[in-house]
Full PDB file with SEQRES, HELIX, SHEET, SSBOND, CRYST1, ORIGX, SCALE, CONECT and MASTER records, all heavy atoms in Angstrom:
SEQRES   1 A   39  ALA PRO THR ALA ALA ALA HIS GLN ILE VAL LEU GLN LEU          
SEQRES   2 A   39  TRP ALA PHE GLN ALA LEU VAL LEU ASP ALA VAL ALA ILE          
SEQRES   3 A   39  ALA ALA GLN SER LEU VAL GLY ALA ALA LEU GLY ALA PRO          
HELIX    1 AA1 PRO A    2  GLY A   37  1                                  36    
CRYST1    1.000    1.000    1.000  90.00  90.00  90.00 P 1           1          
ORIGX1      1.000000  0.000000  0.000000        0.00000                         
ORIGX2      0.000000  1.000000  0.000000        0.00000                         
ORIGX3      0.000000  0.000000  1.000000        0.00000                         
SCALE1      1.000000  0.000000  0.000000        0.00000                         
SCALE2      0.000000  1.000000  0.000000        0.00000                         
SCALE3      0.000000  0.000000  1.000000        0.00000                         
ATOM      1  N   ALA A   1       0.708  28.501  -2.106  1.00  0.00           N  
ATOM      2  CA  ALA A   1       0.301  27.773  -0.910  1.00  0.00           C  
ATOM      3  C   ALA A   1      -0.981  26.967  -1.102  1.00  0.00           C  
ATOM      4  O   ALA A   1      -1.056  25.805  -0.659  1.00  0.00           O  
ATOM      5  CB  ALA A   1       0.160  28.737   0.270  1.00  0.00           C  
ATOM      6  N   PRO A   2      -2.048  27.513  -1.737  1.00  0.00           N  
ATOM      7  CA  PRO A   2      -3.263  26.704  -1.908  1.00  0.00           C  
ATOM      8  C   PRO A   2      -3.026  25.419  -2.698  1.00  0.00           C  
ATOM      9  O   PRO A   2      -3.546  24.360  -2.336  1.00  0.00           O  
ATOM     10  CB  PRO A   2      -4.207  27.650  -2.657  1.00  0.00           C  
ATOM     11  CG  PRO A   2      -3.752  29.012  -2.277  1.00  0.00           C  
ATOM     12  CD  PRO A   2      -2.260  28.907  -2.194  1.00  0.00           C  
ATOM     13  N   THR A   3      -2.241  25.505  -3.764  1.00  0.00           N  
ATOM     14  CA  THR A   3      -1.948  24.310  -4.560  1.00  0.00           C  
ATOM     15  C   THR A   3      -1.140  23.305  -3.753  1.00  0.00           C  
ATOM     16  O   THR A   3      -1.424  22.093  -3.775  1.00  0.00           O  
ATOM     17  CB  THR A   3      -1.176  24.693  -5.836  1.00  0.00           C  
ATOM     18  OG1 THR A   3      -2.002  25.542  -6.637  1.00  0.00           O  
ATOM     19  CG2 THR A   3      -0.787  23.462  -6.639  1.00  0.00           C  
ATOM     20  N   ALA A   4      -0.118  23.785  -3.032  1.00  0.00           N  
ATOM     21  CA  ALA A   4       0.711  22.898  -2.212  1.00  0.00           C  
ATOM     22  C   ALA A   4      -0.123  22.217  -1.132  1.00  0.00           C  
ATOM     23  O   ALA A   4       0.027  21.018  -0.867  1.00  0.00           O  
ATOM     24  CB  ALA A   4       1.862  23.677  -1.587  1.00  0.00           C  
ATOM     25  N   ALA A   5      -1.016  22.995  -0.492  1.00  0.00           N  
ATOM     26  CA  ALA A   5      -1.851  22.435   0.569  1.00  0.00           C  
ATOM     27  C   ALA A   5      -2.836  21.415   0.016  1.00  0.00           C  
ATOM     28  O   ALA A   5      -3.053  20.344   0.611  1.00  0.00           O  
ATOM     29  CB  ALA A   5      -2.601  23.558   1.286  1.00  0.00           C  
ATOM     30  N   ALA A   6      -3.443  21.709  -1.125  1.00  0.00           N  
ATOM     31  CA  ALA A   6      -4.381  20.767  -1.744  1.00  0.00           C  
ATOM     32  C   ALA A   6      -3.670  19.468  -2.118  1.00  0.00           C  
ATOM     33  O   ALA A   6      -4.199  18.366  -1.906  1.00  0.00           O  
ATOM     34  CB  ALA A   6      -5.013  21.398  -2.983  1.00  0.00           C  
ATOM     35  N   HIS A   7      -2.478  19.598  -2.678  1.00  0.00           N  
ATOM     36  CA  HIS A   7      -1.682  18.415  -3.030  1.00  0.00           C  
ATOM     37  C   HIS A   7      -1.385  17.586  -1.789  1.00  0.00           C  
ATOM     38  O   HIS A   7      -1.504  16.353  -1.810  1.00  0.00           O  
ATOM     39  CB  HIS A   7      -0.384  18.856  -3.704  1.00  0.00           C  
ATOM     40  CG  HIS A   7       0.555  17.729  -4.012  1.00  0.00           C  
ATOM     41  ND1 HIS A   7       0.283  16.766  -4.955  1.00  0.00           N  
ATOM     42  CD2 HIS A   7       1.770  17.405  -3.476  1.00  0.00           C  
ATOM     43  CE1 HIS A   7       1.281  15.909  -5.009  1.00  0.00           C  
ATOM     44  NE2 HIS A   7       2.187  16.266  -4.118  1.00  0.00           N  
ATOM     45  N   GLN A   8      -1.028  18.249  -0.690  1.00  0.00           N  
ATOM     46  CA  GLN A   8      -0.692  17.539   0.542  1.00  0.00           C  
ATOM     47  C   GLN A   8      -1.901  16.780   1.088  1.00  0.00           C  
ATOM     48  O   GLN A   8      -1.771  15.629   1.532  1.00  0.00           O  
ATOM     49  CB  GLN A   8      -0.181  18.536   1.598  1.00  0.00           C  
ATOM     50  CG  GLN A   8       0.177  17.919   2.941  1.00  0.00           C  
ATOM     51  CD  GLN A   8       1.366  16.980   2.876  1.00  0.00           C  
ATOM     52  OE1 GLN A   8       2.050  16.898   1.836  1.00  0.00           O  
ATOM     53  NE2 GLN A   8       1.632  16.270   3.949  1.00  0.00           N  
ATOM     54  N   ILE A   9      -3.070  17.381   1.051  1.00  0.00           N  
ATOM     55  CA  ILE A   9      -4.283  16.719   1.557  1.00  0.00           C  
ATOM     56  C   ILE A   9      -4.552  15.428   0.781  1.00  0.00           C  
ATOM     57  O   ILE A   9      -4.741  14.353   1.360  1.00  0.00           O  
ATOM     58  CB  ILE A   9      -5.493  17.671   1.459  1.00  0.00           C  
ATOM     59  CG1 ILE A   9      -5.380  18.780   2.511  1.00  0.00           C  
ATOM     60  CG2 ILE A   9      -6.807  16.903   1.640  1.00  0.00           C  
ATOM     61  CD1 ILE A   9      -6.393  19.889   2.324  1.00  0.00           C  
ATOM     62  N   VAL A  10      -4.569  15.539  -0.537  1.00  0.00           N  
ATOM     63  CA  VAL A  10      -4.897  14.361  -1.354  1.00  0.00           C  
ATOM     64  C   VAL A  10      -3.781  13.321  -1.270  1.00  0.00           C  
ATOM     65  O   VAL A  10      -4.040  12.112  -1.233  1.00  0.00           O  
ATOM     66  CB  VAL A  10      -5.168  14.775  -2.809  1.00  0.00           C  
ATOM     67  CG1 VAL A  10      -5.589  13.564  -3.637  1.00  0.00           C  
ATOM     68  CG2 VAL A  10      -6.259  15.837  -2.875  1.00  0.00           C  
ATOM     69  N   LEU A  11      -2.539  13.781  -1.201  1.00  0.00           N  
ATOM     70  CA  LEU A  11      -1.413  12.847  -1.105  1.00  0.00           C  
ATOM     71  C   LEU A  11      -1.445  12.068   0.203  1.00  0.00           C  
ATOM     72  O   LEU A  11      -1.118  10.867   0.244  1.00  0.00           O  
ATOM     73  CB  LEU A  11      -0.092  13.603  -1.240  1.00  0.00           C  
ATOM     74  CG  LEU A  11       1.156  12.734  -1.440  1.00  0.00           C  
ATOM     75  CD1 LEU A  11       1.065  11.960  -2.754  1.00  0.00           C  
ATOM     76  CD2 LEU A  11       2.412  13.600  -1.435  1.00  0.00           C  
ATOM     77  N   GLN A  12      -1.839  12.716   1.316  1.00  0.00           N  
ATOM     78  CA  GLN A  12      -1.926  12.004   2.590  1.00  0.00           C  
ATOM     79  C   GLN A  12      -3.033  10.961   2.560  1.00  0.00           C  
ATOM     80  O   GLN A  12      -2.901   9.885   3.161  1.00  0.00           O  
ATOM     81  CB  GLN A  12      -2.152  13.001   3.729  1.00  0.00           C  
ATOM     82  CG  GLN A  12      -0.930  13.839   4.062  1.00  0.00           C  
ATOM     83  CD  GLN A  12       0.316  12.998   4.296  1.00  0.00           C  
ATOM     84  OE1 GLN A  12       0.318  12.103   5.132  1.00  0.00           O  
ATOM     85  NE2 GLN A  12       1.367  13.269   3.544  1.00  0.00           N  
ATOM     86  N   LEU A  13      -4.127  11.253   1.869  1.00  0.00           N  
ATOM     87  CA  LEU A  13      -5.175  10.247   1.706  1.00  0.00           C  
ATOM     88  C   LEU A  13      -4.689   9.090   0.829  1.00  0.00           C  
ATOM     89  O   LEU A  13      -5.029   7.930   1.067  1.00  0.00           O  
ATOM     90  CB  LEU A  13      -6.430  10.890   1.106  1.00  0.00           C  
ATOM     91  CG  LEU A  13      -7.198  11.801   2.066  1.00  0.00           C  
ATOM     92  CD1 LEU A  13      -8.257  12.595   1.318  1.00  0.00           C  
ATOM     93  CD2 LEU A  13      -7.843  10.992   3.185  1.00  0.00           C  
ATOM     94  N   TRP A  14      -3.878   9.422  -0.176  1.00  0.00           N  
ATOM     95  CA  TRP A  14      -3.254   8.371  -0.998  1.00  0.00           C  
ATOM     96  C   TRP A  14      -2.377   7.481  -0.119  1.00  0.00           C  
ATOM     97  O   TRP A  14      -2.407   6.253  -0.242  1.00  0.00           O  
ATOM     98  CB  TRP A  14      -2.423   9.018  -2.100  1.00  0.00           C  
ATOM     99  CG  TRP A  14      -1.666   8.048  -2.966  1.00  0.00           C  
ATOM    100  CD1 TRP A  14      -0.402   7.574  -2.757  1.00  0.00           C  
ATOM    101  CD2 TRP A  14      -2.122   7.424  -4.168  1.00  0.00           C  
ATOM    102  NE1 TRP A  14      -0.051   6.701  -3.754  1.00  0.00           N  
ATOM    103  CE2 TRP A  14      -1.086   6.594  -4.633  1.00  0.00           C  
ATOM    104  CE3 TRP A  14      -3.299   7.509  -4.895  1.00  0.00           C  
ATOM    105  CZ2 TRP A  14      -1.203   5.834  -5.796  1.00  0.00           C  
ATOM    106  CZ3 TRP A  14      -3.410   6.747  -6.056  1.00  0.00           C  
ATOM    107  CH2 TRP A  14      -2.378   5.928  -6.500  1.00  0.00           C  
ATOM    108  N   ALA A  15      -1.612   8.092   0.783  1.00  0.00           N  
ATOM    109  CA  ALA A  15      -0.759   7.322   1.689  1.00  0.00           C  
ATOM    110  C   ALA A  15      -1.598   6.431   2.601  1.00  0.00           C  
ATOM    111  O   ALA A  15      -1.218   5.288   2.899  1.00  0.00           O  
ATOM    112  CB  ALA A  15       0.101   8.265   2.521  1.00  0.00           C  
ATOM    113  N   PHE A  16      -2.753   6.938   3.033  1.00  0.00           N  
ATOM    114  CA  PHE A  16      -3.627   6.144   3.903  1.00  0.00           C  
ATOM    115  C   PHE A  16      -4.151   4.903   3.173  1.00  0.00           C  
ATOM    116  O   PHE A  16      -4.075   3.785   3.687  1.00  0.00           O  
ATOM    117  CB  PHE A  16      -4.804   6.998   4.383  1.00  0.00           C  
ATOM    118  CG  PHE A  16      -5.926   6.180   4.983  1.00  0.00           C  
ATOM    119  CD1 PHE A  16      -5.802   5.652   6.256  1.00  0.00           C  
ATOM    120  CD2 PHE A  16      -7.076   5.912   4.254  1.00  0.00           C  
ATOM    121  CE1 PHE A  16      -6.817   4.872   6.799  1.00  0.00           C  
ATOM    122  CE2 PHE A  16      -8.098   5.139   4.789  1.00  0.00           C  
ATOM    123  CZ  PHE A  16      -7.964   4.624   6.075  1.00  0.00           C  
ATOM    124  N   GLN A  17      -4.693   5.089   1.973  1.00  0.00           N  
ATOM    125  CA  GLN A  17      -5.224   3.920   1.276  1.00  0.00           C  
ATOM    126  C   GLN A  17      -4.109   2.955   0.893  1.00  0.00           C  
ATOM    127  O   GLN A  17      -4.333   1.742   0.800  1.00  0.00           O  
ATOM    128  CB  GLN A  17      -6.050   4.342   0.048  1.00  0.00           C  
ATOM    129  CG  GLN A  17      -5.319   5.146  -1.016  1.00  0.00           C  
ATOM    130  CD  GLN A  17      -4.580   4.306  -2.023  1.00  0.00           C  
ATOM    131  OE1 GLN A  17      -4.974   3.176  -2.252  1.00  0.00           O  
ATOM    132  NE2 GLN A  17      -3.542   4.838  -2.621  1.00  0.00           N  
ATOM    133  N   ALA A  18      -2.894   3.488   0.716  1.00  0.00           N  
ATOM    134  CA  ALA A  18      -1.757   2.612   0.414  1.00  0.00           C  
ATOM    135  C   ALA A  18      -1.486   1.651   1.562  1.00  0.00           C  
ATOM    136  O   ALA A  18      -1.022   0.523   1.339  1.00  0.00           O  
ATOM    137  CB  ALA A  18      -0.517   3.443   0.110  1.00  0.00           C  
ATOM    138  N   LEU A  19      -1.762   2.082   2.812  1.00  0.00           N  
ATOM    139  CA  LEU A  19      -1.568   1.198   3.960  1.00  0.00           C  
ATOM    140  C   LEU A  19      -2.457  -0.036   3.853  1.00  0.00           C  
ATOM    141  O   LEU A  19      -2.015  -1.166   4.084  1.00  0.00           O  
ATOM    142  CB  LEU A  19      -1.883   1.939   5.265  1.00  0.00           C  
ATOM    143  CG  LEU A  19      -0.926   3.045   5.691  1.00  0.00           C  
ATOM    144  CD1 LEU A  19      -1.450   3.729   6.947  1.00  0.00           C  
ATOM    145  CD2 LEU A  19       0.460   2.474   5.949  1.00  0.00           C  
ATOM    146  N   VAL A  20      -3.725   0.165   3.500  1.00  0.00           N  
ATOM    147  CA  VAL A  20      -4.648  -0.959   3.374  1.00  0.00           C  
ATOM    148  C   VAL A  20      -4.213  -1.883   2.241  1.00  0.00           C  
ATOM    149  O   VAL A  20      -4.180  -3.111   2.385  1.00  0.00           O  
ATOM    150  CB  VAL A  20      -6.080  -0.463   3.137  1.00  0.00           C  
ATOM    151  CG1 VAL A  20      -7.039  -1.645   3.029  1.00  0.00           C  
ATOM    152  CG2 VAL A  20      -6.519   0.468   4.265  1.00  0.00           C  
ATOM    153  N   LEU A  21      -3.858  -1.292   1.111  1.00  0.00           N  
ATOM    154  CA  LEU A  21      -3.446  -2.096  -0.034  1.00  0.00           C  
ATOM    155  C   LEU A  21      -2.108  -2.789   0.229  1.00  0.00           C  
ATOM    156  O   LEU A  21      -1.871  -3.901  -0.260  1.00  0.00           O  
ATOM    157  CB  LEU A  21      -3.381  -1.223  -1.282  1.00  0.00           C  
ATOM    158  CG  LEU A  21      -4.717  -0.596  -1.701  1.00  0.00           C  
ATOM    159  CD1 LEU A  21      -4.521   0.348  -2.879  1.00  0.00           C  
ATOM    160  CD2 LEU A  21      -5.754  -1.656  -2.026  1.00  0.00           C  
ATOM    161  N   ASP A  22      -1.235  -2.158   0.998  1.00  0.00           N  
ATOM    162  CA  ASP A  22       0.028  -2.798   1.375  1.00  0.00           C  
ATOM    163  C   ASP A  22      -0.210  -4.018   2.260  1.00  0.00           C  
ATOM    164  O   ASP A  22       0.548  -4.991   2.211  1.00  0.00           O  
ATOM    165  CB  ASP A  22       0.937  -1.804   2.110  1.00  0.00           C  
ATOM    166  CG  ASP A  22       1.906  -1.114   1.162  1.00  0.00           C  
ATOM    167  OD1 ASP A  22       2.062  -1.587   0.019  1.00  0.00           O  
ATOM    168  OD2 ASP A  22       2.513  -0.111   1.557  1.00  0.00           O  
ATOM    169  N   ALA A  23      -1.253  -3.955   3.096  1.00  0.00           N  
ATOM    170  CA  ALA A  23      -1.574  -5.112   3.932  1.00  0.00           C  
ATOM    171  C   ALA A  23      -1.934  -6.318   3.061  1.00  0.00           C  
ATOM    172  O   ALA A  23      -1.540  -7.454   3.349  1.00  0.00           O  
ATOM    173  CB  ALA A  23      -2.715  -4.778   4.889  1.00  0.00           C  
ATOM    174  N   VAL A  24      -2.682  -6.080   1.982  1.00  0.00           N  
ATOM    175  CA  VAL A  24      -3.001  -7.155   1.036  1.00  0.00           C  
ATOM    176  C   VAL A  24      -1.727  -7.647   0.353  1.00  0.00           C  
ATOM    177  O   VAL A  24      -1.530  -8.853   0.150  1.00  0.00           O  
ATOM    178  CB  VAL A  24      -4.020  -6.672  -0.013  1.00  0.00           C  
ATOM    179  CG1 VAL A  24      -4.264  -7.734  -1.079  1.00  0.00           C  
ATOM    180  CG2 VAL A  24      -5.337  -6.290   0.663  1.00  0.00           C  
ATOM    181  N   ALA A  25      -0.824  -6.705   0.002  1.00  0.00           N  
ATOM    182  CA  ALA A  25       0.440  -7.077  -0.640  1.00  0.00           C  
ATOM    183  C   ALA A  25       1.297  -7.939   0.281  1.00  0.00           C  
ATOM    184  O   ALA A  25       1.966  -8.870  -0.167  1.00  0.00           O  
ATOM    185  CB  ALA A  25       1.204  -5.816  -1.052  1.00  0.00           C  
ATOM    186  N   ILE A  26       1.282  -7.634   1.585  1.00  0.00           N  
ATOM    187  CA  ILE A  26       2.047  -8.433   2.544  1.00  0.00           C  
ATOM    188  C   ILE A  26       1.495  -9.856   2.604  1.00  0.00           C  
ATOM    189  O   ILE A  26       2.253 -10.835   2.639  1.00  0.00           O  
ATOM    190  CB  ILE A  26       2.019  -7.760   3.931  1.00  0.00           C  
ATOM    191  CG1 ILE A  26       2.952  -6.546   3.932  1.00  0.00           C  
ATOM    192  CG2 ILE A  26       2.422  -8.741   5.036  1.00  0.00           C  
ATOM    193  CD1 ILE A  26       2.796  -5.656   5.140  1.00  0.00           C  
ATOM    194  N   ALA A  27       0.158  -9.980   2.623  1.00  0.00           N  
ATOM    195  CA  ALA A  27      -0.446 -11.310   2.595  1.00  0.00           C  
ATOM    196  C   ALA A  27      -0.045 -12.048   1.318  1.00  0.00           C  
ATOM    197  O   ALA A  27       0.278 -13.250   1.352  1.00  0.00           O  
ATOM    198  CB  ALA A  27      -1.963 -11.188   2.692  1.00  0.00           C  
ATOM    199  N   ALA A  28      -0.048 -11.340   0.184  1.00  0.00           N  
ATOM    200  CA  ALA A  28       0.344 -11.957  -1.088  1.00  0.00           C  
ATOM    201  C   ALA A  28       1.786 -12.436  -1.043  1.00  0.00           C  
ATOM    202  O   ALA A  28       2.101 -13.537  -1.524  1.00  0.00           O  
ATOM    203  CB  ALA A  28       0.155 -10.960  -2.229  1.00  0.00           C  
ATOM    204  N   GLN A  29       2.673 -11.617  -0.480  1.00  0.00           N  
ATOM    205  CA  GLN A  29       4.072 -12.020  -0.344  1.00  0.00           C  
ATOM    206  C   GLN A  29       4.206 -13.356   0.365  1.00  0.00           C  
ATOM    207  O   GLN A  29       4.890 -14.270  -0.092  1.00  0.00           O  
ATOM    208  CB  GLN A  29       4.832 -10.975   0.479  1.00  0.00           C  
ATOM    209  CG  GLN A  29       5.507  -9.894  -0.311  1.00  0.00           C  
ATOM    210  CD  GLN A  29       6.444  -9.131   0.602  1.00  0.00           C  
ATOM    211  OE1 GLN A  29       6.023  -8.237   1.321  1.00  0.00           O  
ATOM    212  NE2 GLN A  29       7.699  -9.484   0.580  1.00  0.00           N  
ATOM    213  N   SER A  30       3.578 -13.434   1.524  1.00  0.00           N  
ATOM    214  CA  SER A  30       3.709 -14.629   2.348  1.00  0.00           C  
ATOM    215  C   SER A  30       3.107 -15.853   1.675  1.00  0.00           C  
ATOM    216  O   SER A  30       3.715 -16.931   1.647  1.00  0.00           O  
ATOM    217  CB  SER A  30       3.025 -14.372   3.702  1.00  0.00           C  
ATOM    218  OG  SER A  30       3.186 -15.476   4.553  1.00  0.00           O  
ATOM    219  N   LEU A  31       1.924 -15.698   1.090  1.00  0.00           N  
ATOM    220  CA  LEU A  31       1.234 -16.838   0.472  1.00  0.00           C  
ATOM    221  C   LEU A  31       1.936 -17.317  -0.794  1.00  0.00           C  
ATOM    222  O   LEU A  31       2.073 -18.520  -1.026  1.00  0.00           O  
ATOM    223  CB  LEU A  31      -0.211 -16.454   0.166  1.00  0.00           C  
ATOM    224  CG  LEU A  31      -1.106 -16.227   1.401  1.00  0.00           C  
ATOM    225  CD1 LEU A  31      -2.398 -15.535   1.001  1.00  0.00           C  
ATOM    226  CD2 LEU A  31      -1.393 -17.545   2.104  1.00  0.00           C  
ATOM    227  N   VAL A  32       2.384 -16.369  -1.628  1.00  0.00           N  
ATOM    228  CA  VAL A  32       3.064 -16.746  -2.869  1.00  0.00           C  
ATOM    229  C   VAL A  32       4.425 -17.375  -2.568  1.00  0.00           C  
ATOM    230  O   VAL A  32       4.807 -18.387  -3.165  1.00  0.00           O  
ATOM    231  CB  VAL A  32       3.217 -15.526  -3.802  1.00  0.00           C  
ATOM    232  CG1 VAL A  32       4.186 -15.822  -4.938  1.00  0.00           C  
ATOM    233  CG2 VAL A  32       1.862 -15.135  -4.369  1.00  0.00           C  
ATOM    234  N   GLY A  33       5.166 -16.768  -1.629  1.00  0.00           N  
ATOM    235  CA  GLY A  33       6.456 -17.352  -1.260  1.00  0.00           C  
ATOM    236  C   GLY A  33       6.316 -18.768  -0.748  1.00  0.00           C  
ATOM    237  O   GLY A  33       7.073 -19.670  -1.138  1.00  0.00           O  
ATOM    238  N   ALA A  34       5.314 -18.990   0.112  1.00  0.00           N  
ATOM    239  CA  ALA A  34       5.092 -20.333   0.654  1.00  0.00           C  
ATOM    240  C   ALA A  34       4.673 -21.308  -0.441  1.00  0.00           C  
ATOM    241  O   ALA A  34       5.107 -22.463  -0.457  1.00  0.00           O  
ATOM    242  CB  ALA A  34       4.035 -20.277   1.754  1.00  0.00           C  
ATOM    243  N   ALA A  35       3.833 -20.841  -1.369  1.00  0.00           N  
ATOM    244  CA  ALA A  35       3.393 -21.710  -2.469  1.00  0.00           C  
ATOM    245  C   ALA A  35       4.566 -22.136  -3.334  1.00  0.00           C  
ATOM    246  O   ALA A  35       4.691 -23.310  -3.704  1.00  0.00           O  
ATOM    247  CB  ALA A  35       2.345 -20.992  -3.316  1.00  0.00           C  
ATOM    248  N   LEU A  36       5.450 -21.200  -3.657  1.00  0.00           N  
ATOM    249  CA  LEU A  36       6.594 -21.526  -4.522  1.00  0.00           C  
ATOM    250  C   LEU A  36       7.624 -22.399  -3.811  1.00  0.00           C  
ATOM    251  O   LEU A  36       8.350 -23.150  -4.450  1.00  0.00           O  
ATOM    252  CB  LEU A  36       7.258 -20.235  -5.012  1.00  0.00           C  
ATOM    253  CG  LEU A  36       6.472 -19.445  -6.060  1.00  0.00           C  
ATOM    254  CD1 LEU A  36       7.147 -18.104  -6.338  1.00  0.00           C  
ATOM    255  CD2 LEU A  36       6.338 -20.242  -7.348  1.00  0.00           C  
ATOM    256  N   GLY A  37       7.686 -22.284  -2.500  1.00  0.00           N  
ATOM    257  CA  GLY A  37       8.655 -23.081  -1.754  1.00  0.00           C  
ATOM    258  C   GLY A  37       8.214 -24.499  -1.494  1.00  0.00           C  
ATOM    259  O   GLY A  37       9.028 -25.340  -1.108  1.00  0.00           O  
ATOM    260  N   ALA A  38       6.929 -24.800  -1.684  1.00  0.00           N  
ATOM    261  CA  ALA A  38       6.405 -26.131  -1.381  1.00  0.00           C  
ATOM    262  C   ALA A  38       7.088 -27.193  -2.241  1.00  0.00           C  
ATOM    263  O   ALA A  38       7.260 -27.002  -3.444  1.00  0.00           O  
ATOM    264  CB  ALA A  38       4.896 -26.166  -1.611  1.00  0.00           C  
ATOM    265  N   PRO A  39       7.492 -28.313  -1.635  1.00  0.00           N  
ATOM    266  CA  PRO A  39       8.273 -29.325  -2.352  1.00  0.00           C  
ATOM    267  C   PRO A  39       7.393 -30.284  -3.158  1.00  0.00           C  
ATOM    268  O   PRO A  39       7.353 -31.484  -2.892  1.00  0.00           O  
ATOM    269  CB  PRO A  39       8.993 -30.057  -1.216  1.00  0.00           C  
ATOM    270  CG  PRO A  39       8.037 -29.960  -0.067  1.00  0.00           C  
ATOM    271  CD  PRO A  39       7.331 -28.649  -0.208  1.00  0.00           C  
TER     272      PRO A  39                                                      
MASTER        0    0    0    1    0    0    0    6  271    1    0    3          
END                                                                             
């Protein structure tokens, strides 16, 4: 249980920071797609 609980704590923090980094990835998606589509 202690190992499982410790893993869960750190993993949830990993999930939290992934949200912020995913927001940057979403911006990258939109900007890169628009750049490549420009005629």
